Amino acid sequence: MPDIQELVKKRDELENRKSRLCGKLEAAKSSLADIDAKIEGLGIDPDNLEAEIARLKAECDSALKAYITSLEEAERVISTIEDRIQSL
Protein backbone atom coordinates (compact mmCIF):
# COMPACT_ATOMS: atom_id res chain seq x y z
CA MET A 1 0.00 0.00 0.00
CA PRO A 2 1.43 3.43 -0.99
CA ASP A 3 2.18 5.81 1.79
CA ILE A 4 0.45 9.12 2.30
CA GLN A 5 3.35 11.16 0.91
CA GLU A 6 3.23 9.28 -2.42
CA LEU A 7 -0.52 9.75 -2.65
CA VAL A 8 -0.25 13.48 -1.94
CA LYS A 9 2.54 13.79 -4.52
CA LYS A 10 0.44 11.93 -7.09
CA ARG A 11 -2.57 14.16 -6.35
CA ASP A 12 -0.41 17.30 -6.74
CA GLU A 13 0.94 16.05 -10.07
CA LEU A 14 -2.58 15.37 -11.31
CA GLU A 15 -3.73 18.83 -10.21
CA ASN A 16 -0.78 20.40 -12.06
CA ARG A 17 -1.62 18.45 -15.21
CA LYS A 18 -5.25 19.47 -14.90
CA SER A 19 -4.24 23.13 -14.48
CA ARG A 20 -2.05 23.00 -17.59
CA LEU A 21 -4.85 21.40 -19.60
CA CYS A 22 -7.34 24.00 -18.36
CA GLY A 23 -4.93 26.74 -19.44
CA LYS A 24 -4.59 25.19 -22.88
CA LEU A 25 -8.36 24.88 -23.14
CA GLU A 26 -8.83 28.55 -22.27
CA ALA A 27 -6.20 29.56 -24.83
CA ALA A 28 -7.95 27.45 -27.48
CA LYS A 29 -11.32 29.01 -26.61
CA SER A 30 -9.79 32.47 -26.86
CA SER A 31 -8.25 31.66 -30.24
CA LEU A 32 -11.56 30.31 -31.48
CA ALA A 33 -13.33 33.48 -30.34
CA ASP A 34 -10.73 35.59 -32.18
CA ILE A 35 -11.20 33.54 -35.36
CA ASP A 36 -14.99 33.81 -35.08
CA ALA A 37 -14.69 37.58 -34.67
CA LYS A 38 -12.48 37.85 -37.76
CA ILE A 39 -14.89 35.73 -39.78
CA GLU A 40 -17.84 37.84 -38.63
CA GLY A 41 -15.83 40.93 -39.57
CA LEU A 42 -15.77 39.59 -43.12
CA GLY A 43 -19.57 39.37 -43.07
CA ILE A 44 -19.62 35.58 -42.76
CA ASP A 45 -21.61 33.63 -40.19
CA PRO A 46 -19.09 31.36 -38.40
CA ASP A 47 -21.86 28.95 -37.43
CA ASN A 48 -22.73 28.43 -41.10
CA LEU A 49 -19.29 28.07 -42.70
CA GLU A 50 -20.13 25.11 -44.94
CA ALA A 51 -23.01 26.98 -46.57
CA GLU A 52 -20.85 30.11 -46.91
CA ILE A 53 -18.06 28.10 -48.54
CA ALA A 54 -20.52 26.50 -50.96
CA ARG A 55 -22.00 29.92 -51.78
CA LEU A 56 -18.57 31.45 -52.36
CA LYS A 57 -17.51 28.52 -54.57
CA ALA A 58 -20.67 28.91 -56.65
CA GLU A 59 -20.07 32.66 -56.89
CA CYS A 60 -16.47 32.05 -57.95
CA ASP A 61 -17.53 29.49 -60.57
CA SER A 62 -20.13 31.87 -61.96
CA ALA A 63 -17.63 34.73 -62.16
CA LEU A 64 -15.08 32.46 -63.83
CA LYS A 65 -17.61 31.30 -66.43
CA ALA A 66 -18.56 34.90 -67.16
CA TYR A 67 -14.87 35.80 -67.52
CA ILE A 68 -14.25 32.89 -69.90
CA THR A 69 -17.29 33.89 -71.95
CA SER A 70 -15.98 37.47 -72.14
CA LEU A 71 -12.55 36.27 -73.22
CA GLU A 72 -14.07 34.08 -75.92
CA GLU A 73 -16.17 36.99 -77.18
CA ALA A 74 -13.12 39.27 -77.18
CA GLU A 75 -11.19 36.65 -79.12
CA ARG A 76 -13.98 36.40 -81.72
CA VAL A 77 -14.13 40.18 -82.11
CA ILE A 78 -10.35 40.48 -82.46
CA SER A 79 -10.26 37.61 -84.95
CA THR A 80 -12.98 39.29 -87.01
CA ILE A 81 -11.06 42.56 -87.02
CA GLU A 82 -7.83 40.78 -87.96
CA ASP A 83 -9.60 38.98 -90.81
CA ARG A 84 -11.01 42.26 -92.13
CA ILE A 85 -7.61 43.93 -91.95
CA GLN A 86 -5.97 41.08 -93.86
CA SER A 87 -8.60 41.24 -96.57
CA LEU A 88 -7.84 44.92 -97.26
C-alpha atoms as a PDB file:
ATOM      1  CA  MET A   1       0.000   0.000   0.000  1.00  0.00           C
ATOM      2  CA  PRO A   2       1.427   3.435  -0.992  1.00  0.00           C
ATOM      3  CA  ASP A   3       2.182   5.809   1.791  1.00  0.00           C
ATOM      4  CA  ILE A   4       0.447   9.122   2.296  1.00  0.00           C
ATOM      5  CA  GLN A   5       3.353  11.162   0.905  1.00  0.00           C
ATOM      6  CA  GLU A   6       3.226   9.285  -2.419  1.00  0.00           C
ATOM      7  CA  LEU A   7      -0.518   9.747  -2.653  1.00  0.00           C
ATOM      8  CA  VAL A   8      -0.246  13.479  -1.935  1.00  0.00           C
ATOM      9  CA  LYS A   9       2.539  13.792  -4.522  1.00  0.00           C
ATOM     10  CA  LYS A  10       0.441  11.931  -7.091  1.00  0.00           C
ATOM     11  CA  ARG A  11      -2.566  14.164  -6.352  1.00  0.00           C
ATOM     12  CA  ASP A  12      -0.414  17.296  -6.737  1.00  0.00           C
ATOM     13  CA  GLU A  13       0.939  16.050 -10.072  1.00  0.00           C
ATOM     14  CA  LEU A  14      -2.578  15.372 -11.308  1.00  0.00           C
ATOM     15  CA  GLU A  15      -3.728  18.829 -10.210  1.00  0.00           C
ATOM     16  CA  ASN A  16      -0.784  20.401 -12.061  1.00  0.00           C
ATOM     17  CA  ARG A  17      -1.617  18.447 -15.208  1.00  0.00           C
ATOM     18  CA  LYS A  18      -5.252  19.472 -14.898  1.00  0.00           C
ATOM     19  CA  SER A  19      -4.242  23.131 -14.480  1.00  0.00           C
ATOM     20  CA  ARG A  20      -2.050  23.002 -17.592  1.00  0.00           C
ATOM     21  CA  LEU A  21      -4.848  21.405 -19.599  1.00  0.00           C
ATOM     22  CA  CYS A  22      -7.335  24.005 -18.362  1.00  0.00           C
ATOM     23  CA  GLY A  23      -4.926  26.743 -19.443  1.00  0.00           C
ATOM     24  CA  LYS A  24      -4.588  25.191 -22.883  1.00  0.00           C
ATOM     25  CA  LEU A  25      -8.360  24.876 -23.143  1.00  0.00           C
ATOM     26  CA  GLU A  26      -8.835  28.550 -22.269  1.00  0.00           C
ATOM     27  CA  ALA A  27      -6.197  29.563 -24.828  1.00  0.00           C
ATOM     28  CA  ALA A  28      -7.949  27.452 -27.477  1.00  0.00           C
ATOM     29  CA  LYS A  29     -11.317  29.010 -26.607  1.00  0.00           C
ATOM     30  CA  SER A  30      -9.790  32.470 -26.861  1.00  0.00           C
ATOM     31  CA  SER A  31      -8.246  31.659 -30.240  1.00  0.00           C
ATOM     32  CA  LEU A  32     -11.565  30.311 -31.476  1.00  0.00           C
ATOM     33  CA  ALA A  33     -13.329  33.475 -30.338  1.00  0.00           C
ATOM     34  CA  ASP A  34     -10.727  35.586 -32.185  1.00  0.00           C
ATOM     35  CA  ILE A  35     -11.198  33.542 -35.358  1.00  0.00           C
ATOM     36  CA  ASP A  36     -14.991  33.807 -35.080  1.00  0.00           C
ATOM     37  CA  ALA A  37     -14.692  37.583 -34.668  1.00  0.00           C
ATOM     38  CA  LYS A  38     -12.476  37.853 -37.765  1.00  0.00           C
ATOM     39  CA  ILE A  39     -14.891  35.725 -39.783  1.00  0.00           C
ATOM     40  CA  GLU A  40     -17.841  37.837 -38.627  1.00  0.00           C
ATOM     41  CA  GLY A  41     -15.832  40.934 -39.574  1.00  0.00           C
ATOM     42  CA  LEU A  42     -15.775  39.589 -43.124  1.00  0.00           C
ATOM     43  CA  GLY A  43     -19.567  39.372 -43.068  1.00  0.00           C
ATOM     44  CA  ILE A  44     -19.619  35.582 -42.765  1.00  0.00           C
ATOM     45  CA  ASP A  45     -21.612  33.630 -40.191  1.00  0.00           C
ATOM     46  CA  PRO A  46     -19.089  31.363 -38.399  1.00  0.00           C
ATOM     47  CA  ASP A  47     -21.864  28.951 -37.433  1.00  0.00           C
ATOM     48  CA  ASN A  48     -22.731  28.429 -41.098  1.00  0.00           C
ATOM     49  CA  LEU A  49     -19.293  28.071 -42.698  1.00  0.00           C
ATOM     50  CA  GLU A  50     -20.130  25.112 -44.935  1.00  0.00           C
ATOM     51  CA  ALA A  51     -23.011  26.975 -46.568  1.00  0.00           C
ATOM     52  CA  GLU A  52     -20.855  30.111 -46.913  1.00  0.00           C
ATOM     53  CA  ILE A  53     -18.055  28.103 -48.541  1.00  0.00           C
ATOM     54  CA  ALA A  54     -20.520  26.499 -50.961  1.00  0.00           C
ATOM     55  CA  ARG A  55     -21.998  29.922 -51.779  1.00  0.00           C
ATOM     56  CA  LEU A  56     -18.574  31.451 -52.362  1.00  0.00           C
ATOM     57  CA  LYS A  57     -17.507  28.517 -54.566  1.00  0.00           C
ATOM     58  CA  ALA A  58     -20.669  28.906 -56.646  1.00  0.00           C
ATOM     59  CA  GLU A  59     -20.070  32.658 -56.889  1.00  0.00           C
ATOM     60  CA  CYS A  60     -16.472  32.046 -57.953  1.00  0.00           C
ATOM     61  CA  ASP A  61     -17.533  29.486 -60.573  1.00  0.00           C
ATOM     62  CA  SER A  62     -20.127  31.868 -61.960  1.00  0.00           C
ATOM     63  CA  ALA A  63     -17.626  34.728 -62.158  1.00  0.00           C
ATOM     64  CA  LEU A  64     -15.077  32.456 -63.828  1.00  0.00           C
ATOM     65  CA  LYS A  65     -17.614  31.301 -66.425  1.00  0.00           C
ATOM     66  CA  ALA A  66     -18.556  34.903 -67.164  1.00  0.00           C
ATOM     67  CA  TYR A  67     -14.873  35.803 -67.519  1.00  0.00           C
ATOM     68  CA  ILE A  68     -14.252  32.890 -69.896  1.00  0.00           C
ATOM     69  CA  THR A  69     -17.286  33.893 -71.950  1.00  0.00           C
ATOM     70  CA  SER A  70     -15.982  37.468 -72.141  1.00  0.00           C
ATOM     71  CA  LEU A  71     -12.554  36.266 -73.222  1.00  0.00           C
ATOM     72  CA  GLU A  72     -14.074  34.078 -75.916  1.00  0.00           C
ATOM     73  CA  GLU A  73     -16.167  36.989 -77.180  1.00  0.00           C
ATOM     74  CA  ALA A  74     -13.118  39.274 -77.181  1.00  0.00           C
ATOM     75  CA  GLU A  75     -11.189  36.645 -79.122  1.00  0.00           C
ATOM     76  CA  ARG A  76     -13.983  36.403 -81.716  1.00  0.00           C
ATOM     77  CA  VAL A  77     -14.131  40.179 -82.108  1.00  0.00           C
ATOM     78  CA  ILE A  78     -10.349  40.480 -82.461  1.00  0.00           C
ATOM     79  CA  SER A  79     -10.256  37.606 -84.946  1.00  0.00           C
ATOM     80  CA  THR A  80     -12.980  39.288 -87.006  1.00  0.00           C
ATOM     81  CA  ILE A  81     -11.059  42.557 -87.017  1.00  0.00           C
ATOM     82  CA  GLU A  82      -7.832  40.784 -87.961  1.00  0.00           C
ATOM     83  CA  ASP A  83      -9.596  38.978 -90.811  1.00  0.00           C
ATOM     84  CA  ARG A  84     -11.010  42.260 -92.134  1.00  0.00           C
ATOM     85  CA  ILE A  85      -7.610  43.930 -91.952  1.00  0.00           C
ATOM     86  CA  GLN A  86      -5.973  41.078 -93.860  1.00  0.00           C
ATOM     87  CA  SER A  87      -8.601  41.241 -96.574  1.00  0.00           C
ATOM     88  CA  LEU A  88      -7.839  44.917 -97.258  1.00  0.00           C
END
